[in-house]
Amino acid sequence: MRIGRVHQRVVPRVVPHAIALPRYTFMRAHHEGAALLAAWATSAAIALLVLAAALGPA
């Protein structure tokens, strides 16, 4: 009985640690930068809302 191609197991290719580490460090740095930018934009928006509420028509 033949086993069809669908049932063949695919073995994932192992990436050496020396190659994978800089890639993940690069991705983590970009993620931290994006999180910092999002936090800064949120705090700036809240500050603008507070300022608009304080200076708005009474």
PDB file of N, CA and C in Angstrom:
ATOM      1  N   MET A   1       0.845  -1.182   0.000  1.00  0.00           N
ATOM      2  CA  MET A   1       0.000   0.000   0.000  1.00  0.00           C
ATOM      3  C   MET A   1       0.886   1.240   0.000  1.00  0.00           C
ATOM      4  N   ARG A   2       0.630   2.140  -0.929  1.00  0.00           N
ATOM      5  CA  ARG A   2       1.433   3.366  -1.016  1.00  0.00           C
ATOM      6  C   ARG A   2       0.857   4.455  -0.129  1.00  0.00           C
ATOM      7  N   ILE A   3       1.728   5.249   0.446  1.00  0.00           N
ATOM      8  CA  ILE A   3       1.293   6.405   1.241  1.00  0.00           C
ATOM      9  C   ILE A   3       1.272   7.608   0.314  1.00  0.00           C
ATOM     10  N   GLY A   4       0.153   8.309   0.296  1.00  0.00           N
ATOM     11  CA  GLY A   4       0.036   9.478  -0.570  1.00  0.00           C
ATOM     12  C   GLY A   4       0.913  10.622  -0.092  1.00  0.00           C
ATOM     13  N   ARG A   5       1.138  11.584  -0.958  1.00  0.00           N
ATOM     14  CA  ARG A   5       1.983  12.729  -0.613  1.00  0.00           C
ATOM     15  C   ARG A   5       1.382  13.563   0.515  1.00  0.00           C
ATOM     16  N   VAL A   6       0.094  13.527   0.650  1.00  0.00           N
ATOM     17  CA  VAL A   6      -0.569  14.324   1.677  1.00  0.00           C
ATOM     18  C   VAL A   6      -0.143  13.864   3.066  1.00  0.00           C
ATOM     19  N   HIS A   7       0.131  12.568   3.214  1.00  0.00           N
ATOM     20  CA  HIS A   7       0.427  12.015   4.521  1.00  0.00           C
ATOM     21  C   HIS A   7       1.914  12.017   4.858  1.00  0.00           C
ATOM     22  N   GLN A   8       2.745  12.519   3.965  1.00  0.00           N
ATOM     23  CA  GLN A   8       4.166  12.576   4.265  1.00  0.00           C
ATOM     24  C   GLN A   8       4.431  13.688   5.269  1.00  0.00           C
ATOM     25  N   ARG A   9       5.300  13.408   6.197  1.00  0.00           N
ATOM     26  CA  ARG A   9       5.605  14.380   7.240  1.00  0.00           C
ATOM     27  C   ARG A   9       6.641  15.364   6.744  1.00  0.00           C
ATOM     28  N   VAL A  10       6.419  16.642   7.007  1.00  0.00           N
ATOM     29  CA  VAL A  10       7.364  17.674   6.606  1.00  0.00           C
ATOM     30  C   VAL A  10       8.218  18.020   7.812  1.00  0.00           C
ATOM     31  N   VAL A  11       9.513  17.866   7.667  1.00  0.00           N
ATOM     32  CA  VAL A  11      10.435  18.178   8.759  1.00  0.00           C
ATOM     33  C   VAL A  11      10.883  19.626   8.590  1.00  0.00           C
ATOM     34  N   PRO A  12      10.663  20.470   9.584  1.00  0.00           N
ATOM     35  CA  PRO A  12      11.063  21.873   9.443  1.00  0.00           C
ATOM     36  C   PRO A  12      12.579  22.019   9.393  1.00  0.00           C
ATOM     37  N   ARG A  13      13.019  22.984   8.612  1.00  0.00           N
ATOM     38  CA  ARG A  13      14.446  23.259   8.497  1.00  0.00           C
ATOM     39  C   ARG A  13      14.897  24.021   9.741  1.00  0.00           C
ATOM     40  N   VAL A  14      15.954  23.567  10.352  1.00  0.00           N
ATOM     41  CA  VAL A  14      16.469  24.198  11.568  1.00  0.00           C
ATOM     42  C   VAL A  14      17.420  25.315  11.171  1.00  0.00           C
ATOM     43  N   VAL A  15      17.163  26.516  11.683  1.00  0.00           N
ATOM     44  CA  VAL A  15      18.022  27.656  11.399  1.00  0.00           C
ATOM     45  C   VAL A  15      19.097  27.716  12.476  1.00  0.00           C
ATOM     46  N   PRO A  16      20.358  27.807  12.098  1.00  0.00           N
ATOM     47  CA  PRO A  16      21.414  27.898  13.109  1.00  0.00           C
ATOM     48  C   PRO A  16      21.217  29.112  14.016  1.00  0.00           C
ATOM     49  N   HIS A  17      21.599  28.961  15.262  1.00  0.00           N
ATOM     50  CA  HIS A  17      21.396  30.015  16.265  1.00  0.00           C
ATOM     51  C   HIS A  17      22.113  31.308  15.873  1.00  0.00           C
ATOM     52  N   ALA A  18      23.280  31.201  15.283  1.00  0.00           N
ATOM     53  CA  ALA A  18      24.049  32.395  14.910  1.00  0.00           C
ATOM     54  C   ALA A  18      23.337  33.215  13.843  1.00  0.00           C
ATOM     55  N   ILE A  19      22.541  32.577  13.000  1.00  0.00           N
ATOM     56  CA  ILE A  19      21.811  33.287  11.950  1.00  0.00           C
ATOM     57  C   ILE A  19      20.487  33.814  12.493  1.00  0.00           C
ATOM     58  N   ALA A  20      19.815  33.023  13.325  1.00  0.00           N
ATOM     59  CA  ALA A  20      18.484  33.385  13.809  1.00  0.00           C
ATOM     60  C   ALA A  20      18.529  34.510  14.833  1.00  0.00           C
ATOM     61  N   LEU A  21      19.560  34.581  15.655  1.00  0.00           N
ATOM     62  CA  LEU A  21      19.606  35.559  16.748  1.00  0.00           C
ATOM     63  C   LEU A  21      19.576  37.001  16.258  1.00  0.00           C
ATOM     64  N   PRO A  22      20.393  37.425  15.285  1.00  0.00           N
ATOM     65  CA  PRO A  22      20.306  38.811  14.828  1.00  0.00           C
ATOM     66  C   PRO A  22      18.950  39.155  14.217  1.00  0.00           C
ATOM     67  N   ARG A  23      18.323  38.185  13.558  1.00  0.00           N
ATOM     68  CA  ARG A  23      17.019  38.434  12.946  1.00  0.00           C
ATOM     69  C   ARG A  23      15.983  38.737  14.024  1.00  0.00           C
ATOM     70  N   TYR A  24      15.960  37.946  15.107  1.00  0.00           N
ATOM     71  CA  TYR A  24      14.990  38.171  16.174  1.00  0.00           C
ATOM     72  C   TYR A  24      15.304  39.441  16.945  1.00  0.00           C
ATOM     73  N   THR A  25      16.565  39.768  17.105  1.00  0.00           N
ATOM     74  CA  THR A  25      16.940  41.012  17.770  1.00  0.00           C
ATOM     75  C   THR A  25      16.453  42.202  16.957  1.00  0.00           C
ATOM     76  N   PHE A  26      16.589  42.133  15.644  1.00  0.00           N
ATOM     77  CA  PHE A  26      16.126  43.193  14.753  1.00  0.00           C
ATOM     78  C   PHE A  26      14.617  43.355  14.853  1.00  0.00           C
ATOM     79  N   MET A  27      13.883  42.220  14.859  1.00  0.00           N
ATOM     80  CA  MET A  27      12.425  42.283  14.952  1.00  0.00           C
ATOM     81  C   MET A  27      11.993  42.834  16.301  1.00  0.00           C
ATOM     82  N   ARG A  28      12.678  42.443  17.379  1.00  0.00           N
ATOM     83  CA  ARG A  28      12.313  42.923  18.710  1.00  0.00           C
ATOM     84  C   ARG A  28      12.571  44.416  18.825  1.00  0.00           C
ATOM     85  N   ALA A  29      13.652  44.898  18.236  1.00  0.00           N
ATOM     86  CA  ALA A  29      13.952  46.327  18.277  1.00  0.00           C
ATOM     87  C   ALA A  29      12.872  47.115  17.551  1.00  0.00           C
ATOM     88  N   HIS A  30      12.401  46.608  16.422  1.00  0.00           N
ATOM     89  CA  HIS A  30      11.339  47.301  15.693  1.00  0.00           C
ATOM     90  C   HIS A  30      10.030  47.280  16.471  1.00  0.00           C
ATOM     91  N   HIS A  31       9.761  46.167  17.159  1.00  0.00           N
ATOM     92  CA  HIS A  31       8.535  46.073  17.949  1.00  0.00           C
ATOM     93  C   HIS A  31       8.578  47.061  19.116  1.00  0.00           C
ATOM     94  N   GLU A  32       9.741  47.169  19.781  1.00  0.00           N
ATOM     95  CA  GLU A  32       9.861  48.103  20.897  1.00  0.00           C
ATOM     96  C   GLU A  32       9.743  49.548  20.404  1.00  0.00           C
ATOM     97  N   GLY A  33      10.291  49.837  19.239  1.00  0.00           N
ATOM     98  CA  GLY A  33      10.168  51.182  18.679  1.00  0.00           C
ATOM     99  C   GLY A  33       8.722  51.518  18.343  1.00  0.00           C
ATOM    100  N   ALA A  34       7.997  50.558  17.800  1.00  0.00           N
ATOM    101  CA  ALA A  34       6.593  50.780  17.470  1.00  0.00           C
ATOM    102  C   ALA A  34       5.762  50.978  18.737  1.00  0.00           C
ATOM    103  N   ALA A  35       6.083  50.222  19.789  1.00  0.00           N
ATOM    104  CA  ALA A  35       5.355  50.376  21.052  1.00  0.00           C
ATOM    105  C   ALA A  35       5.633  51.745  21.664  1.00  0.00           C
ATOM    106  N   LEU A  36       6.862  52.194  21.575  1.00  0.00           N
ATOM    107  CA  LEU A  36       7.213  53.517  22.102  1.00  0.00           C
ATOM    108  C   LEU A  36       6.487  54.616  21.333  1.00  0.00           C
ATOM    109  N   LEU A  37       6.429  54.483  20.021  1.00  0.00           N
ATOM    110  CA  LEU A  37       5.731  55.470  19.200  1.00  0.00           C
ATOM    111  C   LEU A  37       4.235  55.492  19.505  1.00  0.00           C
ATOM    112  N   ALA A  38       3.643  54.323  19.700  1.00  0.00           N
ATOM    113  CA  ALA A  38       2.220  54.248  20.032  1.00  0.00           C
ATOM    114  C   ALA A  38       1.942  54.882  21.388  1.00  0.00           C
ATOM    115  N   ALA A  39       2.808  54.639  22.364  1.00  0.00           N
ATOM    116  CA  ALA A  39       2.623  55.239  23.694  1.00  0.00           C
ATOM    117  C   ALA A  39       2.756  56.754  23.624  1.00  0.00           C
ATOM    118  N   TRP A  40       3.725  57.233  22.856  1.00  0.00           N
ATOM    119  CA  TRP A  40       3.915  58.684  22.727  1.00  0.00           C
ATOM    120  C   TRP A  40       2.708  59.331  22.043  1.00  0.00           C
ATOM    121  N   ALA A  41       2.201  58.708  20.987  1.00  0.00           N
ATOM    122  CA  ALA A  41       1.043  59.253  20.275  1.00  0.00           C
ATOM    123  C   ALA A  41      -0.191  59.261  21.162  1.00  0.00           C
ATOM    124  N   THR A  42      -0.366  58.230  21.968  1.00  0.00           N
ATOM    125  CA  THR A  42      -1.520  58.166  22.871  1.00  0.00           C
ATOM    126  C   THR A  42      -1.439  59.261  23.931  1.00  0.00           C
ATOM    127  N   SER A  43      -0.260  59.445  24.516  1.00  0.00           N
ATOM    128  CA  SER A  43      -0.117  60.476  25.542  1.00  0.00           C
ATOM    129  C   SER A  43      -0.283  61.869  24.940  1.00  0.00           C
ATOM    130  N   ALA A  44       0.188  62.076  23.721  1.00  0.00           N
ATOM    131  CA  ALA A  44       0.015  63.373  23.068  1.00  0.00           C
ATOM    132  C   ALA A  44      -1.461  63.629  22.773  1.00  0.00           C
ATOM    133  N   ALA A  45      -2.184  62.615  22.356  1.00  0.00           N
ATOM    134  CA  ALA A  45      -3.610  62.776  22.073  1.00  0.00           C
ATOM    135  C   ALA A  45      -4.389  63.079  23.351  1.00  0.00           C
ATOM    136  N   ILE A  46      -4.053  62.417  24.439  1.00  0.00           N
ATOM    137  CA  ILE A  46      -4.727  62.688  25.717  1.00  0.00           C
ATOM    138  C   ILE A  46      -4.432  64.108  26.174  1.00  0.00           C
ATOM    139  N   ALA A  47      -3.187  64.549  26.010  1.00  0.00           N
ATOM    140  CA  ALA A  47      -2.829  65.914  26.397  1.00  0.00           C
ATOM    141  C   ALA A  47      -3.604  66.935  25.564  1.00  0.00           C
ATOM    142  N   LEU A  48      -3.768  66.677  24.288  1.00  0.00           N
ATOM    143  CA  LEU A  48      -4.545  67.584  23.443  1.00  0.00           C
ATOM    144  C   LEU A  48      -6.019  67.616  23.847  1.00  0.00           C
ATOM    145  N   LEU A  49      -6.567  66.470  24.206  1.00  0.00           N
ATOM    146  CA  LEU A  49      -7.958  66.438  24.656  1.00  0.00           C
ATOM    147  C   LEU A  49      -8.143  67.212  25.960  1.00  0.00           C
ATOM    148  N   VAL A  50      -7.206  67.072  26.878  1.00  0.00           N
ATOM    149  CA  VAL A  50      -7.280  67.813  28.140  1.00  0.00           C
ATOM    150  C   VAL A  50      -7.171  69.299  27.870  1.00  0.00           C
ATOM    151  N   LEU A  51      -6.247  69.685  27.011  1.00  0.00           N
ATOM    152  CA  LEU A  51      -6.072  71.103  26.681  1.00  0.00           C
ATOM    153  C   LEU A  51      -7.314  71.665  25.986  1.00  0.00           C
ATOM    154  N   ALA A  52      -7.893  70.901  25.071  1.00  0.00           N
ATOM    155  CA  ALA A  52      -9.101  71.351  24.376  1.00  0.00           C
ATOM    156  C   ALA A  52     -10.271  71.486  25.343  1.00  0.00           C
ATOM    157  N   ALA A  53     -10.366  70.575  26.298  1.00  0.00           N
ATOM    158  CA  ALA A  53     -11.453  70.659  27.273  1.00  0.00           C
ATOM    159  C   ALA A  53     -11.267  71.862  28.191  1.00  0.00           C
ATOM    160  N   ALA A  54     -10.032  72.171  28.535  1.00  0.00           N
ATOM    161  CA  ALA A  54      -9.768  73.300  29.429  1.00  0.00           C
ATOM    162  C   ALA A  54      -9.970  74.637  28.714  1.00  0.00           C
ATOM    163  N   LEU A  55      -9.652  74.704  27.434  1.00  0.00           N
ATOM    164  CA  LEU A  55      -9.755  75.969  26.709  1.00  0.00           C
ATOM    165  C   LEU A  55     -11.063  76.091  25.922  1.00  0.00           C
ATOM    166  N   GLY A  56     -11.888  75.093  25.963  1.00  0.00           N
ATOM    167  CA  GLY A  56     -13.125  75.096  25.194  1.00  0.00           C
ATOM    168  C   GLY A  56     -14.140  76.081  25.746  1.00  0.00           C
ATOM    169  N   PRO A  57     -15.229  76.247  25.019  1.00  0.00           N
ATOM    170  CA  PRO A  57     -16.274  77.193  25.473  1.00  0.00           C
ATOM    171  C   PRO A  57     -16.890  76.729  26.800  1.00  0.00           C
ATOM    172  N   ALA A  58     -17.127  77.693  27.636  1.00  0.00           N
ATOM    173  CA  ALA A  58     -17.651  77.373  28.957  1.00  0.00           C
ATOM    174  C   ALA A  58     -19.156  77.446  28.980  1.00  0.00           C
TER     175      ALA A  58
END
